[in-house]
N, C-alpha and C. Protein backbone atom coordinates (compact mmCIF):
# COMPACT_ATOMS: atom_id res chain seq x y z
N MET A 1 0.88 -1.14 0.15
CA MET A 1 -0.05 0.02 -0.11
C MET A 1 1.14 1.44 0.04
N PRO A 2 0.45 2.14 -0.84
CA PRO A 2 1.52 3.69 -1.03
C PRO A 2 1.31 4.05 0.25
N ARG A 3 2.01 4.86 0.42
CA ARG A 3 2.09 5.88 1.63
C ARG A 3 1.54 7.17 1.19
N ARG A 4 0.64 7.89 2.00
CA ARG A 4 0.74 9.53 1.60
C ARG A 4 1.25 10.46 2.79
N LYS A 5 1.91 11.27 1.85
CA LYS A 5 2.30 12.30 2.66
C LYS A 5 2.07 13.84 2.15
N TYR A 6 1.51 14.50 3.00
CA TYR A 6 0.80 15.95 2.52
C TYR A 6 0.08 15.94 1.69
N GLY A 7 -0.81 14.58 1.76
CA GLY A 7 -2.09 14.63 0.96
C GLY A 7 -1.91 13.79 -0.69
N LYS A 8 -0.42 13.64 -0.90
CA LYS A 8 -0.30 12.87 -2.31
C LYS A 8 0.40 11.62 -2.27
N LEU A 9 -0.01 10.86 -3.10
CA LEU A 9 0.46 9.35 -3.23
C LEU A 9 2.14 9.44 -3.44
N ARG A 10 2.69 8.27 -2.52
CA ARG A 10 4.32 8.53 -2.93
C ARG A 10 4.33 6.90 -3.50
N LYS A 11 5.07 7.32 -4.60
CA LYS A 11 5.49 5.48 -5.10
C LYS A 11 6.95 5.05 -4.60
N THR A 12 7.25 3.89 -4.81
CA THR A 12 8.37 3.47 -4.23
C THR A 12 8.84 2.91 -5.32
N VAL A 13 10.16 3.41 -5.54
CA VAL A 13 10.50 3.42 -6.76
C VAL A 13 11.90 2.41 -6.58
N GLU A 14 12.23 1.50 -7.52
CA GLU A 14 13.01 0.27 -7.65
C GLU A 14 14.06 0.38 -8.21
N LEU A 15 15.44 0.43 -7.95
CA LEU A 15 16.65 0.81 -8.57
C LEU A 15 16.60 -0.16 -9.90
N PRO A 16 17.30 0.44 -10.77
CA PRO A 16 17.35 -0.35 -12.09
C PRO A 16 18.52 -1.40 -11.83
N SER A 17 18.58 -2.26 -12.78
CA SER A 17 19.46 -3.21 -12.75
C SER A 17 20.91 -2.58 -13.26
N LYS A 18 22.20 -3.27 -13.50
CA LYS A 18 23.28 -2.68 -13.56
C LYS A 18 23.13 -2.53 -15.19
N ALA A 19 22.81 -3.72 -15.99
CA ALA A 19 22.52 -3.71 -17.36
C ALA A 19 21.69 -2.74 -17.83
N ASN A 20 20.48 -2.32 -16.92
CA ASN A 20 19.25 -1.70 -17.62
C ASN A 20 19.54 -0.40 -17.37
N CYS A 21 20.35 0.16 -16.58
CA CYS A 21 20.68 1.83 -15.83
C CYS A 21 20.68 2.77 -17.20
N SER A 22 19.93 3.68 -17.15
CA SER A 22 19.80 4.78 -18.45
C SER A 22 21.12 5.61 -18.21
N ARG A 23 21.64 5.83 -17.14
CA ARG A 23 22.60 6.91 -16.80
C ARG A 23 24.19 6.18 -17.30
N CYS A 24 23.86 4.89 -16.82
CA CYS A 24 25.18 4.02 -17.07
C CYS A 24 25.17 3.82 -18.75
N ARG A 25 24.26 3.73 -19.14
CA ARG A 25 24.25 3.63 -20.84
C ARG A 25 24.58 4.63 -21.45
N SER A 26 24.40 5.79 -21.07
CA SER A 26 24.67 7.05 -21.77
C SER A 26 25.85 7.62 -21.40
N GLY A 27 26.56 7.04 -20.32
CA GLY A 27 27.85 7.53 -20.40
C GLY A 27 28.05 8.53 -19.16
N LYS A 28 27.12 8.43 -18.46
CA LYS A 28 27.08 9.71 -17.47
C LYS A 28 27.35 9.49 -16.03
N HIS A 29 27.43 10.21 -15.11
CA HIS A 29 27.70 9.78 -13.71
C HIS A 29 26.55 9.05 -13.21
N CYS A 30 26.87 8.08 -12.44
CA CYS A 30 25.60 6.87 -11.81
C CYS A 30 25.58 7.27 -10.39
N PRO A 31 24.56 7.81 -9.49
CA PRO A 31 24.64 7.75 -8.14
C PRO A 31 24.26 6.36 -7.42
N ILE A 32 24.15 5.51 -8.10
CA ILE A 32 24.23 4.05 -7.56
C ILE A 32 25.42 3.44 -7.38
N GLU A 33 25.68 2.63 -6.21
CA GLU A 33 27.40 2.30 -6.03
C GLU A 33 27.06 0.86 -6.57
N GLY A 34 28.02 0.37 -7.17
CA GLY A 34 28.16 -0.90 -7.77
C GLY A 34 28.05 -0.73 -9.52
N HIS A 35 27.59 0.50 -10.01
CA HIS A 35 27.43 0.49 -11.31
C HIS A 35 28.19 0.95 -11.99
N ASP A 36 28.44 0.85 -13.58
CA ASP A 36 29.68 1.31 -14.07
C ASP A 36 30.00 2.88 -14.33
N GLY A 37 28.94 3.83 -14.22
CA GLY A 37 29.24 4.96 -13.98
C GLY A 37 29.37 5.64 -12.85
N TYR A 38 29.44 4.72 -11.69
CA TYR A 38 29.91 5.52 -10.47
C TYR A 38 31.07 5.71 -9.93
N VAL A 39 31.96 5.56 -10.95
CA VAL A 39 33.64 5.38 -10.99
C VAL A 39 33.86 6.96 -10.86
N VAL A 40 34.52 7.40 -9.92
CA VAL A 40 34.74 8.66 -9.47
C VAL A 40 36.46 9.03 -9.94
N ALA A 41 37.14 8.17 -10.08
CA ALA A 41 38.64 8.44 -10.32
C ALA A 41 38.75 8.94 -11.78
N SER A 42 39.53 9.85 -11.87
CA SER A 42 39.73 10.23 -13.63
C SER A 42 40.81 9.32 -14.14
N HIS A 43 40.68 9.06 -15.39
CA HIS A 43 41.57 8.13 -16.24
C HIS A 43 42.55 8.95 -16.81
N ARG A 44 42.76 10.10 -16.61
CA ARG A 44 43.89 10.56 -17.40
C ARG A 44 45.37 10.35 -16.87
N GLU A 45 46.32 10.73 -17.83
CA GLU A 45 47.53 10.44 -17.34
C GLU A 45 47.95 11.30 -16.63
N TRP A 46 47.69 12.69 -17.17
CA TRP A 46 48.62 13.98 -16.56
C TRP A 46 47.74 14.66 -15.62
N THR A 47 48.35 14.54 -13.87
CA THR A 47 47.87 14.73 -13.15
C THR A 47 47.70 16.03 -12.47
N GLY A 48 48.86 16.78 -13.10
CA GLY A 48 49.02 18.13 -12.59
C GLY A 48 50.49 18.37 -12.20
N PRO A 49 51.19 19.65 -12.33
CA PRO A 49 52.55 19.54 -11.76
C PRO A 49 52.53 19.00 -10.19
N PRO A 50 53.78 18.77 -10.06
CA PRO A 50 54.10 18.23 -8.30
C PRO A 50 53.79 19.44 -7.67
N LYS A 51 54.69 20.30 -7.93
CA LYS A 51 54.49 21.65 -6.76
C LYS A 51 54.31 22.98 -7.69
N THR A 52 53.31 23.57 -7.05
CA THR A 52 53.44 25.18 -7.97
C THR A 52 53.94 26.05 -6.84
N GLU A 53 54.63 27.03 -7.40
CA GLU A 53 55.05 28.02 -6.86
C GLU A 53 53.67 29.59 -6.52
N LYS A 54 53.71 30.20 -5.48
CA LYS A 54 52.98 31.05 -5.10
C LYS A 54 53.45 32.24 -6.21
N ARG A 55 52.35 33.24 -6.12
CA ARG A 55 52.58 34.09 -6.91
C ARG A 55 53.57 35.33 -5.87
N LYS A 56 54.27 36.19 -6.39
CA LYS A 56 55.20 37.01 -5.72
C LYS A 56 54.11 38.04 -5.36
N LYS A 57 54.17 38.71 -4.37
CA LYS A 57 53.41 39.88 -3.70
C LYS A 57 54.01 41.03 -4.36
N ALA A 58 52.67 41.78 -5.03
CA ALA A 58 52.94 43.24 -5.80
C ALA A 58 53.44 43.85 -4.91
N ARG A 59 54.25 45.11 -5.11
CA ARG A 59 54.67 46.13 -4.39
C ARG A 59 53.62 47.27 -4.73
N SER A 60 53.02 48.24 -3.68
CA SER A 60 52.20 49.12 -4.03
C SER A 60 52.98 50.48 -4.07
């Protein structure tokens, strides 16, 4: 039986399976853990310089 909150019916939503997830299929980030689109780490080779120097203070 669906629950009512503030007079509206609240529908329970089932999580999509790993193979049928629309966000994973489109190549977007998926908020569901265990899905292919949930990977947060970047796959880039270049990660940036090891150390950056601070800017020198400008003289007034």
